[in-house]
N, C-alpha and C. Protein backbone atom coordinates (compact mmCIF):
# COMPACT_ATOMS: atom_id res chain seq x y z
N ASP A 1 131.41 103.51 97.61
CA ASP A 1 132.88 103.44 97.65
C ASP A 1 133.46 104.81 97.96
N THR A 2 132.96 105.84 97.30
CA THR A 2 133.46 107.21 97.50
C THR A 2 133.21 107.69 98.92
N VAL A 3 131.98 107.48 99.41
CA VAL A 3 131.62 107.95 100.74
C VAL A 3 132.34 107.15 101.82
N ALA A 4 132.48 105.86 101.61
CA ALA A 4 133.18 105.03 102.60
C ALA A 4 134.63 105.48 102.77
N LYS A 5 135.25 105.85 101.67
CA LYS A 5 136.63 106.35 101.75
C LYS A 5 136.68 107.72 102.44
N ALA A 6 135.66 108.52 102.25
CA ALA A 6 135.64 109.86 102.85
C ALA A 6 135.38 109.81 104.35
N PHE A 7 134.75 108.73 104.82
CA PHE A 7 134.43 108.58 106.25
C PHE A 7 134.96 107.23 106.74
N PRO A 8 136.27 107.11 106.86
CA PRO A 8 136.87 105.81 107.20
C PRO A 8 136.53 105.29 108.59
N ASN A 9 136.07 106.17 109.48
CA ASN A 9 135.73 105.73 110.83
C ASN A 9 134.26 105.38 110.99
N THR A 10 133.52 105.44 109.89
CA THR A 10 132.11 105.05 109.89
C THR A 10 131.97 103.70 109.21
N LYS A 11 131.12 102.86 109.79
CA LYS A 11 130.88 101.53 109.22
C LYS A 11 129.70 101.60 108.25
N PHE A 12 129.82 100.90 107.13
CA PHE A 12 128.78 100.87 106.11
C PHE A 12 128.43 99.43 105.76
N ALA A 13 127.18 99.24 105.34
CA ALA A 13 126.76 97.96 104.77
C ALA A 13 126.02 98.26 103.48
N ILE A 14 126.25 97.45 102.46
CA ILE A 14 125.61 97.68 101.16
C ILE A 14 124.92 96.40 100.70
N VAL A 15 123.63 96.51 100.38
CA VAL A 15 122.81 95.36 100.02
C VAL A 15 122.95 95.04 98.53
N ASP A 16 123.07 93.76 98.22
CA ASP A 16 123.14 93.25 96.85
C ASP A 16 124.44 93.63 96.14
N VAL A 17 125.47 93.94 96.89
CA VAL A 17 126.78 94.25 96.31
C VAL A 17 127.85 93.59 97.17
N SER A 18 128.80 92.93 96.53
CA SER A 18 129.92 92.34 97.26
C SER A 18 130.94 93.43 97.61
N GLN A 19 131.47 93.38 98.79
CA GLN A 19 132.49 94.35 99.20
C GLN A 19 133.68 94.31 98.26
N SER A 20 134.01 93.14 97.77
CA SER A 20 135.16 93.00 96.88
C SER A 20 134.92 93.61 95.50
N ASP A 21 133.66 93.90 95.18
CA ASP A 21 133.35 94.51 93.89
C ASP A 21 133.48 96.03 93.91
N LEU A 22 133.60 96.61 95.10
CA LEU A 22 133.82 98.05 95.19
C LEU A 22 135.25 98.36 94.75
N PRO A 23 135.46 99.39 93.96
CA PRO A 23 136.78 99.65 93.36
C PRO A 23 137.94 99.66 94.35
N SER A 24 137.75 100.34 95.50
CA SER A 24 138.87 100.43 96.45
C SER A 24 138.77 99.42 97.57
N LYS A 25 137.76 98.56 97.52
CA LYS A 25 137.56 97.52 98.55
C LYS A 25 137.72 98.09 99.97
N PRO A 26 136.93 99.10 100.32
CA PRO A 26 137.10 99.77 101.61
C PRO A 26 136.92 98.82 102.80
N ALA A 27 137.80 98.97 103.77
CA ALA A 27 137.81 98.07 104.92
C ALA A 27 136.67 98.34 105.89
N ASN A 28 135.96 99.45 105.72
CA ASN A 28 134.86 99.79 106.63
C ASN A 28 133.48 99.46 106.04
N VAL A 29 133.47 98.67 104.97
CA VAL A 29 132.21 98.30 104.32
C VAL A 29 132.00 96.80 104.39
N GLU A 30 130.78 96.41 104.73
CA GLU A 30 130.40 95.00 104.65
C GLU A 30 129.39 94.83 103.51
N GLY A 31 129.68 93.94 102.57
CA GLY A 31 128.73 93.63 101.52
C GLY A 31 127.69 92.66 102.04
N VAL A 32 126.48 92.79 101.54
CA VAL A 32 125.38 91.92 101.97
C VAL A 32 124.72 91.32 100.73
N LEU A 33 124.87 90.02 100.58
CA LEU A 33 124.27 89.31 99.45
C LEU A 33 123.25 88.30 99.94
N PHE A 34 122.36 87.90 99.04
CA PHE A 34 121.34 86.91 99.35
C PHE A 34 121.35 85.83 98.28
N ARG A 35 121.18 84.59 98.70
CA ARG A 35 121.06 83.50 97.73
C ARG A 35 119.61 83.45 97.24
N SER A 36 119.26 84.48 96.48
CA SER A 36 117.88 84.57 95.99
C SER A 36 117.55 83.45 95.01
N SER A 37 118.58 82.81 94.48
CA SER A 37 118.31 81.66 93.61
C SER A 37 117.59 80.56 94.38
N GLN A 38 117.81 80.49 95.71
CA GLN A 38 117.15 79.46 96.50
C GLN A 38 115.65 79.71 96.62
N SER A 39 115.26 80.97 96.88
CA SER A 39 113.82 81.27 96.93
C SER A 39 113.21 81.18 95.54
N GLY A 40 114.00 81.56 94.52
CA GLY A 40 113.53 81.40 93.15
C GLY A 40 113.27 79.95 92.81
N PHE A 41 114.16 79.07 93.28
CA PHE A 41 114.01 77.64 93.02
C PHE A 41 112.71 77.12 93.65
N LEU A 42 112.46 77.49 94.90
CA LEU A 42 111.24 77.03 95.57
C LEU A 42 109.99 77.53 94.84
N ALA A 43 110.04 78.80 94.41
CA ALA A 43 108.90 79.35 93.68
C ALA A 43 108.70 78.62 92.35
N GLY A 44 109.81 78.33 91.67
CA GLY A 44 109.73 77.62 90.41
C GLY A 44 109.24 76.20 90.59
N TYR A 45 109.67 75.57 91.66
CA TYR A 45 109.23 74.20 91.95
C TYR A 45 107.72 74.17 92.16
N LEU A 46 107.23 75.16 92.92
CA LEU A 46 105.78 75.25 93.14
C LEU A 46 105.06 75.49 91.82
N ALA A 47 105.60 76.38 91.00
CA ALA A 47 104.98 76.67 89.70
C ALA A 47 104.96 75.42 88.82
N GLY A 48 106.06 74.66 88.84
CA GLY A 48 106.13 73.44 88.05
C GLY A 48 105.11 72.41 88.49
N LEU A 49 104.96 72.24 89.80
CA LEU A 49 103.97 71.30 90.32
C LEU A 49 102.56 71.73 89.93
N TYR A 50 102.33 73.04 89.99
CA TYR A 50 101.01 73.57 89.67
C TYR A 50 100.64 73.30 88.21
N VAL A 51 101.53 73.64 87.28
CA VAL A 51 101.18 73.46 85.86
C VAL A 51 101.13 71.98 85.48
N LYS A 52 101.96 71.17 86.14
CA LYS A 52 101.97 69.74 85.83
C LYS A 52 100.62 69.12 86.19
N GLN A 53 100.09 69.49 87.35
CA GLN A 53 98.80 68.94 87.76
C GLN A 53 97.65 69.54 86.94
N ARG A 54 97.78 70.81 86.61
CA ARG A 54 96.72 71.49 85.88
C ARG A 54 96.57 70.96 84.46
N GLY A 55 97.68 70.53 83.87
CA GLY A 55 97.65 70.01 82.51
C GLY A 55 97.65 71.12 81.48
N GLY A 56 97.42 70.76 80.25
CA GLY A 56 97.46 71.74 79.17
C GLY A 56 98.89 72.08 78.81
N ARG A 57 99.09 73.29 78.29
CA ARG A 57 100.43 73.71 77.87
C ARG A 57 101.31 73.91 79.10
N GLN A 58 102.42 73.21 79.13
CA GLN A 58 103.31 73.25 80.29
C GLN A 58 104.30 74.41 80.11
N VAL A 59 103.87 75.62 80.49
CA VAL A 59 104.69 76.81 80.30
C VAL A 59 104.63 77.67 81.56
N VAL A 60 105.81 78.11 82.02
CA VAL A 60 105.90 79.13 83.07
C VAL A 60 106.84 80.22 82.56
N SER A 61 106.78 81.40 83.16
CA SER A 61 107.59 82.49 82.62
C SER A 61 108.01 83.47 83.70
N SER A 62 108.93 84.34 83.33
CA SER A 62 109.40 85.38 84.25
C SER A 62 109.58 86.69 83.49
N VAL A 63 109.32 87.79 84.19
CA VAL A 63 109.56 89.13 83.65
C VAL A 63 110.55 89.81 84.58
N GLY A 64 111.78 89.98 84.09
CA GLY A 64 112.80 90.65 84.88
C GLY A 64 112.81 92.14 84.58
N GLY A 65 113.38 92.91 85.50
CA GLY A 65 113.57 94.34 85.27
C GLY A 65 114.78 94.52 84.36
N LYS A 66 115.92 94.79 84.95
CA LYS A 66 117.15 94.88 84.17
C LYS A 66 117.96 93.60 84.38
N LYS A 67 118.78 93.27 83.41
CA LYS A 67 119.58 92.04 83.48
C LYS A 67 120.80 92.29 84.36
N ILE A 68 120.60 92.14 85.67
CA ILE A 68 121.66 92.32 86.65
C ILE A 68 121.70 91.07 87.53
N PRO A 69 122.81 90.80 88.21
CA PRO A 69 122.93 89.55 88.97
C PRO A 69 121.79 89.25 89.95
N PRO A 70 121.32 90.21 90.77
CA PRO A 70 120.24 89.86 91.70
C PRO A 70 118.97 89.39 90.99
N VAL A 71 118.67 89.98 89.83
CA VAL A 71 117.49 89.58 89.06
C VAL A 71 117.73 88.21 88.41
N ASP A 72 118.89 88.05 87.80
CA ASP A 72 119.20 86.80 87.11
C ASP A 72 119.25 85.61 88.07
N ALA A 73 119.68 85.85 89.31
CA ALA A 73 119.74 84.75 90.28
C ALA A 73 118.34 84.23 90.58
N TYR A 74 117.40 85.13 90.77
CA TYR A 74 116.01 84.71 90.98
C TYR A 74 115.51 83.88 89.80
N ILE A 75 115.74 84.38 88.59
CA ILE A 75 115.21 83.74 87.38
C ILE A 75 115.86 82.38 87.15
N ALA A 76 117.18 82.30 87.36
CA ALA A 76 117.87 81.02 87.19
C ALA A 76 117.33 79.98 88.15
N GLY A 77 117.12 80.38 89.40
CA GLY A 77 116.56 79.46 90.39
C GLY A 77 115.16 79.04 90.03
N PHE A 78 114.36 80.01 89.58
CA PHE A 78 112.97 79.74 89.20
C PHE A 78 112.89 78.71 88.08
N GLU A 79 113.69 78.91 87.05
CA GLU A 79 113.65 77.99 85.90
C GLU A 79 114.15 76.61 86.30
N ALA A 80 115.19 76.55 87.14
CA ALA A 80 115.70 75.25 87.58
C ALA A 80 114.67 74.51 88.43
N GLY A 81 113.99 75.25 89.31
CA GLY A 81 112.96 74.63 90.16
C GLY A 81 111.79 74.11 89.34
N ALA A 82 111.37 74.89 88.36
CA ALA A 82 110.25 74.47 87.52
C ALA A 82 110.59 73.19 86.76
N ARG A 83 111.82 73.14 86.24
CA ARG A 83 112.23 71.95 85.48
C ARG A 83 112.38 70.74 86.40
N ARG A 84 112.80 70.97 87.65
CA ARG A 84 112.91 69.84 88.57
C ARG A 84 111.53 69.24 88.86
N ALA A 85 110.53 70.11 89.01
CA ALA A 85 109.18 69.62 89.31
C ALA A 85 108.49 69.04 88.09
N ASP A 86 108.79 69.62 86.92
CA ASP A 86 108.11 69.22 85.70
C ASP A 86 109.13 69.24 84.56
N PRO A 87 109.83 68.13 84.32
CA PRO A 87 110.89 68.11 83.30
C PRO A 87 110.43 68.53 81.92
N GLY A 88 109.14 68.44 81.66
CA GLY A 88 108.64 68.81 80.34
C GLY A 88 108.21 70.26 80.23
N VAL A 89 108.43 71.05 81.27
CA VAL A 89 107.96 72.43 81.26
C VAL A 89 108.80 73.30 80.32
N ARG A 90 108.17 74.27 79.71
CA ARG A 90 108.86 75.26 78.88
C ARG A 90 108.94 76.56 79.67
N THR A 91 110.10 77.21 79.67
CA THR A 91 110.26 78.46 80.42
C THR A 91 110.49 79.61 79.45
N LEU A 92 109.84 80.73 79.72
CA LEU A 92 110.00 81.95 78.95
C LEU A 92 110.55 83.04 79.86
N ASN A 93 111.33 83.95 79.29
CA ASN A 93 111.85 85.05 80.10
C ASN A 93 112.03 86.29 79.22
N ASP A 94 111.65 87.44 79.78
CA ASP A 94 111.86 88.72 79.11
C ASP A 94 112.30 89.75 80.14
N TYR A 95 112.95 90.82 79.66
CA TYR A 95 113.37 91.93 80.53
C TYR A 95 112.68 93.21 80.08
N SER A 96 112.16 93.96 81.03
CA SER A 96 111.51 95.23 80.71
C SER A 96 112.53 96.36 80.57
N GLN A 97 113.75 96.14 81.08
CA GLN A 97 114.78 97.18 81.15
C GLN A 97 114.29 98.38 81.97
N ASP A 98 113.44 98.09 82.96
CA ASP A 98 112.83 99.16 83.75
C ASP A 98 112.37 98.55 85.08
N PHE A 99 112.48 99.33 86.15
CA PHE A 99 112.02 98.84 87.45
C PHE A 99 110.80 99.61 87.96
N THR A 100 110.28 100.53 87.17
CA THR A 100 109.17 101.36 87.66
C THR A 100 107.93 101.35 86.77
N ASP A 101 108.09 101.24 85.47
CA ASP A 101 106.98 101.38 84.53
C ASP A 101 106.16 100.09 84.48
N GLN A 102 105.03 100.08 85.16
CA GLN A 102 104.22 98.86 85.25
C GLN A 102 103.67 98.43 83.89
N ALA A 103 103.42 99.40 83.01
CA ALA A 103 102.86 99.06 81.70
C ALA A 103 103.80 98.18 80.90
N LYS A 104 105.11 98.42 81.03
CA LYS A 104 106.09 97.62 80.29
C LYS A 104 106.05 96.16 80.74
N CYS A 105 106.02 95.95 82.05
CA CYS A 105 105.99 94.58 82.56
C CYS A 105 104.67 93.90 82.25
N LYS A 106 103.59 94.66 82.28
CA LYS A 106 102.28 94.08 81.98
C LYS A 106 102.24 93.60 80.54
N GLU A 107 102.77 94.40 79.62
CA GLU A 107 102.76 94.01 78.21
C GLU A 107 103.57 92.74 77.97
N LEU A 108 104.76 92.66 78.59
CA LEU A 108 105.58 91.47 78.43
C LEU A 108 104.88 90.24 79.00
N ALA A 109 104.27 90.41 80.17
CA ALA A 109 103.59 89.28 80.81
C ALA A 109 102.41 88.80 79.96
N LEU A 110 101.65 89.73 79.42
CA LEU A 110 100.52 89.34 78.57
C LEU A 110 100.99 88.60 77.33
N ASN A 111 102.13 89.02 76.78
CA ASN A 111 102.69 88.30 75.63
C ASN A 111 103.08 86.87 76.01
N GLN A 112 103.65 86.70 77.19
CA GLN A 112 104.03 85.37 77.65
C GLN A 112 102.80 84.51 77.89
N ILE A 113 101.76 85.11 78.43
CA ILE A 113 100.52 84.38 78.69
C ILE A 113 99.90 83.92 77.38
N GLN A 114 99.99 84.76 76.36
CA GLN A 114 99.49 84.38 75.03
C GLN A 114 100.26 83.18 74.48
N GLN A 115 101.51 83.02 74.92
CA GLN A 115 102.32 81.88 74.49
C GLN A 115 102.09 80.65 75.37
N GLY A 116 101.15 80.75 76.31
CA GLY A 116 100.77 79.60 77.10
C GLY A 116 101.20 79.61 78.54
N SER A 117 101.88 80.66 79.01
CA SER A 117 102.34 80.68 80.40
C SER A 117 101.16 80.63 81.37
N GLN A 118 101.24 79.67 82.29
CA GLN A 118 100.21 79.53 83.31
C GLN A 118 100.62 80.17 84.64
N VAL A 119 101.92 80.44 84.80
CA VAL A 119 102.44 81.10 86.00
C VAL A 119 103.51 82.08 85.56
N VAL A 120 103.36 83.34 86.00
CA VAL A 120 104.31 84.39 85.61
C VAL A 120 104.99 84.93 86.85
N PHE A 121 106.31 84.94 86.83
CA PHE A 121 107.14 85.38 87.96
C PHE A 121 107.58 86.83 87.71
N ALA A 122 107.21 87.72 88.61
CA ALA A 122 107.57 89.14 88.49
C ALA A 122 108.86 89.42 89.23
N VAL A 123 109.91 89.82 88.51
CA VAL A 123 111.21 90.10 89.14
C VAL A 123 111.66 91.49 88.71
N ALA A 124 110.82 92.48 89.01
CA ALA A 124 111.08 93.81 88.45
C ALA A 124 110.62 94.94 89.37
N SER A 125 110.64 94.70 90.68
CA SER A 125 110.28 95.74 91.64
C SER A 125 108.91 96.33 91.31
N GLN A 126 108.78 97.66 91.29
CA GLN A 126 107.49 98.31 91.05
C GLN A 126 106.92 97.96 89.68
N CYS A 127 107.79 97.84 88.69
CA CYS A 127 107.34 97.44 87.35
C CYS A 127 106.64 96.09 87.40
N GLY A 128 107.10 95.23 88.28
CA GLY A 128 106.53 93.90 88.39
C GLY A 128 105.07 93.86 88.80
N LEU A 129 104.57 94.95 89.38
CA LEU A 129 103.15 94.99 89.72
C LEU A 129 102.31 94.89 88.46
N GLY A 130 102.85 95.35 87.34
CA GLY A 130 102.16 95.18 86.06
C GLY A 130 102.04 93.72 85.68
N THR A 131 103.03 92.92 86.05
CA THR A 131 102.99 91.48 85.80
C THR A 131 101.86 90.83 86.60
N LEU A 132 101.73 91.23 87.86
CA LEU A 132 100.65 90.70 88.69
C LEU A 132 99.28 91.10 88.12
N SER A 133 99.20 92.33 87.64
CA SER A 133 97.96 92.80 87.03
C SER A 133 97.61 92.00 85.78
N ALA A 134 98.63 91.69 84.98
CA ALA A 134 98.41 90.89 83.76
C ALA A 134 97.88 89.51 84.12
N ALA A 135 98.43 88.90 85.16
CA ALA A 135 97.98 87.58 85.58
C ALA A 135 96.52 87.62 86.00
N LYS A 136 96.15 88.67 86.74
CA LYS A 136 94.76 88.80 87.16
C LYS A 136 93.85 88.97 85.96
N GLN A 137 94.26 89.80 85.02
CA GLN A 137 93.46 90.06 83.82
C GLN A 137 93.24 88.80 83.00
N ALA A 138 94.29 87.97 82.91
CA ALA A 138 94.24 86.78 82.06
C ALA A 138 93.76 85.53 82.80
N GLY A 139 93.62 85.63 84.11
CA GLY A 139 93.15 84.48 84.88
C GLY A 139 94.18 83.40 85.07
N VAL A 140 95.48 83.79 85.12
CA VAL A 140 96.54 82.83 85.41
C VAL A 140 97.18 83.21 86.75
N GLN A 141 98.17 82.43 87.16
CA GLN A 141 98.82 82.66 88.44
C GLN A 141 100.07 83.53 88.28
N ALA A 142 100.40 84.27 89.34
CA ALA A 142 101.60 85.09 89.37
C ALA A 142 102.41 84.77 90.61
N ILE A 143 103.69 85.09 90.57
CA ILE A 143 104.56 84.94 91.74
C ILE A 143 105.22 86.29 91.99
N GLY A 144 105.10 86.77 93.22
CA GLY A 144 105.70 88.05 93.60
C GLY A 144 107.17 87.89 93.95
N VAL A 145 107.82 89.00 94.30
CA VAL A 145 109.25 88.96 94.56
C VAL A 145 109.65 89.89 95.69
N ASP A 146 110.72 89.52 96.37
CA ASP A 146 111.35 90.28 97.46
C ASP A 146 110.50 90.28 98.73
N ALA A 147 109.31 90.91 98.67
CA ALA A 147 108.40 90.95 99.82
C ALA A 147 107.20 90.05 99.53
N ASP A 148 106.43 89.75 100.58
CA ASP A 148 105.23 88.93 100.41
C ASP A 148 104.16 89.79 99.74
N GLN A 149 103.81 89.44 98.51
CA GLN A 149 102.85 90.22 97.74
C GLN A 149 101.48 89.55 97.64
N ALA A 150 101.19 88.69 98.61
CA ALA A 150 99.92 87.96 98.60
C ALA A 150 98.72 88.90 98.65
N ASP A 151 98.90 90.08 99.24
CA ASP A 151 97.78 91.02 99.38
C ASP A 151 97.58 91.87 98.13
N ARG A 152 98.46 91.72 97.13
CA ARG A 152 98.36 92.57 95.94
C ARG A 152 97.24 92.12 95.00
N GLU A 153 97.22 90.84 94.70
CA GLU A 153 96.23 90.30 93.78
C GLU A 153 95.84 88.90 94.23
N GLN A 154 94.62 88.51 93.92
CA GLN A 154 94.16 87.17 94.28
C GLN A 154 94.93 86.10 93.54
N GLN A 155 95.55 86.49 92.40
CA GLN A 155 96.22 85.51 91.55
C GLN A 155 97.64 85.17 92.03
N VAL A 156 98.11 85.74 93.13
CA VAL A 156 99.49 85.51 93.57
C VAL A 156 99.61 84.13 94.22
N LEU A 157 100.28 83.23 93.51
CA LEU A 157 100.47 81.86 93.99
C LEU A 157 101.33 81.84 95.24
N THR A 158 102.42 82.62 95.20
CA THR A 158 103.30 82.82 96.35
C THR A 158 104.26 83.95 95.98
N SER A 159 105.22 84.21 96.84
CA SER A 159 106.24 85.22 96.56
C SER A 159 107.61 84.65 96.92
N ALA A 160 108.60 84.96 96.10
CA ALA A 160 109.98 84.56 96.39
C ALA A 160 110.60 85.67 97.24
N LEU A 161 110.93 85.36 98.48
CA LEU A 161 111.32 86.39 99.43
C LEU A 161 112.82 86.61 99.53
N LYS A 162 113.19 87.87 99.67
CA LYS A 162 114.53 88.28 100.06
C LYS A 162 114.33 89.12 101.32
N LYS A 163 114.65 88.54 102.47
CA LYS A 163 114.32 89.19 103.75
C LYS A 163 115.45 90.12 104.19
N VAL A 164 115.45 91.31 103.59
CA VAL A 164 116.46 92.32 103.92
C VAL A 164 116.37 92.67 105.40
N ASP A 165 115.15 92.62 105.97
CA ASP A 165 115.00 92.95 107.39
C ASP A 165 115.80 92.00 108.28
N VAL A 166 115.84 90.73 107.89
CA VAL A 166 116.62 89.75 108.67
C VAL A 166 118.10 90.12 108.67
N ALA A 167 118.60 90.49 107.50
CA ALA A 167 120.01 90.88 107.39
C ALA A 167 120.30 92.15 108.18
N VAL A 168 119.43 93.14 108.07
CA VAL A 168 119.65 94.41 108.78
C VAL A 168 119.65 94.20 110.29
N LEU A 169 118.70 93.41 110.78
CA LEU A 169 118.67 93.14 112.22
C LEU A 169 119.94 92.41 112.67
N ASP A 170 120.42 91.51 111.82
CA ASP A 170 121.66 90.80 112.14
C ASP A 170 122.84 91.77 112.20
N LEU A 171 122.89 92.70 111.26
CA LEU A 171 123.97 93.69 111.24
C LEU A 171 123.91 94.60 112.47
N VAL A 172 122.70 94.99 112.86
CA VAL A 172 122.54 95.82 114.06
C VAL A 172 123.01 95.06 115.30
N ALA A 173 122.66 93.77 115.36
CA ALA A 173 123.10 92.95 116.49
C ALA A 173 124.62 92.85 116.52
N GLN A 174 125.25 92.72 115.35
CA GLN A 174 126.71 92.69 115.29
C GLN A 174 127.31 93.99 115.83
N LEU A 175 126.73 95.11 115.41
CA LEU A 175 127.23 96.41 115.88
C LEU A 175 127.14 96.52 117.40
N ARG A 176 126.02 96.09 117.95
CA ARG A 176 125.82 96.19 119.40
C ARG A 176 126.82 95.33 120.16
N LYS A 177 127.20 94.21 119.55
CA LYS A 177 128.16 93.30 120.21
C LYS A 177 129.61 93.63 119.86
N GLY A 178 129.80 94.64 119.00
CA GLY A 178 131.16 94.98 118.57
C GLY A 178 131.73 93.95 117.63
N ALA A 179 130.86 93.27 116.90
CA ALA A 179 131.31 92.18 116.02
C ALA A 179 130.99 92.45 114.55
N PHE A 180 130.78 93.70 114.18
CA PHE A 180 130.47 94.04 112.79
C PHE A 180 131.60 93.61 111.88
N ARG A 181 131.28 92.86 110.81
CA ARG A 181 132.31 92.24 109.98
C ARG A 181 132.59 93.09 108.73
N ALA A 182 133.13 94.26 108.93
CA ALA A 182 133.48 95.11 107.79
C ALA A 182 134.68 94.53 107.05
N GLY A 183 134.83 94.94 105.79
CA GLY A 183 135.94 94.46 104.99
C GLY A 183 135.71 93.10 104.39
N ARG A 184 134.45 92.68 104.35
CA ARG A 184 134.12 91.37 103.79
C ARG A 184 132.68 91.38 103.31
N THR A 185 132.23 90.24 102.83
CA THR A 185 130.85 90.12 102.38
C THR A 185 130.19 88.95 103.10
N THR A 186 128.98 89.19 103.56
CA THR A 186 128.18 88.14 104.19
C THR A 186 127.04 87.75 103.25
N THR A 187 126.87 86.46 103.04
CA THR A 187 125.79 85.97 102.18
C THR A 187 124.74 85.28 103.05
N TYR A 188 123.52 85.76 102.94
CA TYR A 188 122.40 85.19 103.69
C TYR A 188 121.63 84.24 102.79
N ASP A 189 121.18 83.12 103.39
CA ASP A 189 120.51 82.10 102.58
C ASP A 189 119.36 81.48 103.33
N ILE A 190 118.91 80.34 102.85
CA ILE A 190 117.74 79.70 103.44
C ILE A 190 118.03 79.19 104.85
N THR A 191 119.28 78.84 105.14
CA THR A 191 119.61 78.36 106.48
C THR A 191 119.59 79.48 107.51
N SER A 192 119.78 80.71 107.07
CA SER A 192 119.70 81.86 107.98
C SER A 192 118.31 82.50 107.93
N HIS A 193 117.37 81.81 107.28
CA HIS A 193 115.97 82.24 107.20
C HIS A 193 115.83 83.60 106.53
N ALA A 194 116.73 83.92 105.62
CA ALA A 194 116.71 85.22 104.95
C ALA A 194 116.17 85.14 103.53
N VAL A 195 115.94 83.94 103.03
CA VAL A 195 115.25 83.75 101.75
C VAL A 195 114.23 82.63 101.94
N GLY A 196 113.25 82.59 101.06
CA GLY A 196 112.23 81.55 101.16
C GLY A 196 110.97 81.98 100.44
N LEU A 197 109.86 81.36 100.80
CA LEU A 197 108.59 81.67 100.16
C LEU A 197 107.69 82.45 101.11
N GLY A 198 106.85 83.30 100.52
CA GLY A 198 105.84 84.01 101.28
C GLY A 198 104.59 83.16 101.39
N THR A 199 103.48 83.83 101.60
CA THR A 199 102.19 83.15 101.72
C THR A 199 101.90 82.33 100.46
N VAL A 200 101.50 81.10 100.65
CA VAL A 200 101.10 80.24 99.53
C VAL A 200 99.59 80.27 99.44
N SER A 201 99.06 80.58 98.27
CA SER A 201 97.62 80.73 98.10
C SER A 201 96.91 79.39 98.14
N SER A 202 95.59 79.44 98.09
CA SER A 202 94.80 78.20 98.08
C SER A 202 95.10 77.36 96.84
N GLN A 203 95.49 78.02 95.74
CA GLN A 203 95.84 77.28 94.52
C GLN A 203 97.13 76.48 94.72
N GLY A 204 98.04 77.01 95.53
CA GLY A 204 99.30 76.33 95.77
C GLY A 204 99.30 75.43 96.99
N ALA A 205 98.28 75.57 97.84
CA ALA A 205 98.23 74.83 99.10
C ALA A 205 98.38 73.32 98.95
N PRO A 206 97.81 72.68 97.91
CA PRO A 206 97.95 71.23 97.79
C PRO A 206 99.41 70.77 97.63
N PHE A 207 100.32 71.70 97.29
CA PHE A 207 101.70 71.31 97.03
C PHE A 207 102.67 71.71 98.15
N LYS A 208 102.17 72.36 99.19
CA LYS A 208 103.04 72.89 100.24
C LYS A 208 103.89 71.81 100.90
N SER A 209 103.31 70.63 101.09
CA SER A 209 104.04 69.56 101.76
C SER A 209 105.18 69.03 100.93
N ARG A 210 105.24 69.36 99.63
CA ARG A 210 106.29 68.87 98.75
C ARG A 210 107.41 69.88 98.55
N LEU A 211 107.28 71.05 99.18
CA LEU A 211 108.29 72.09 99.02
C LEU A 211 109.43 71.93 100.02
């Protein structure tokens, strides 16, 4: 907000923030939001199908970083998707209050696994790698976030994607055409191919046709 006001002839875009939420609502800024709840829902639906077929304790969980809207949107979608696939599923959620310390997320994830979680959703950036590590250690499934994290651990069932690259390329195309939409917010969703699922592992492959 401060810099945009200082450079009124420069165009800005800000990810995960609505233009209307900036104090002075600068006319040269475009907000960029993502309906991450949609990719969270798909990931949760896959998790629900997985635990329902696997049997045993019907529990899935999520480890968030800080309780902020982009994180909560993923988690809300995940829990809704899991319940849609498996109405009897129990959902657990904890926040590490950190986006970098992997040990914090790993500890929370291991606690959730002890409570029966068969699939753990990491929504905590770098800290979330600890969640993936916990899943590998305990022999359960994990779900990555933002980028495709299939190459991180064998236990990654899939990843809930937020394709910032799609949005950035769209903004660059707008600039080139002189159509940059400053002074407003653009929300990217599944119809614009900016959210969705990453690679689905062999464990999740039997359910791909139902997603």
